Amino acid sequence: MTSQAKEFVKRHRDGSVWARGQAIEGVPTGYWEWFRKDGTIMRSGHFRDGMQVGEWTTYDRTGAVHKVTEMEDGKGGKRTVLDEG
């Protein structure tokens, strides 16, 4: 039986969204976004089996693209597992 991806949302202490994406059994998958407390996007990119893959974009405080980093599939990082708390 294959598990389905479920929406995952982590919040700042003030209740605003800090991170949002999909996870399968606590492992990030697909497109993810991170936000500052004021709601502006801070970073976005894709995961595959908990590993960052493809283009990852970092945004400045106005929401404009600051830099784009190309992640090599399966290299240069560790597998992410989410804390549900």
Foldseek 3Di string as FASTA:
>chain_A
DAFDWDWAFDADPVRHTAKIATDGQQFGAAKMWGADPVGATAKIAGDDRQHTAAWIFGAPPVNHTPDIDGDHPPDDDDGDGHDND
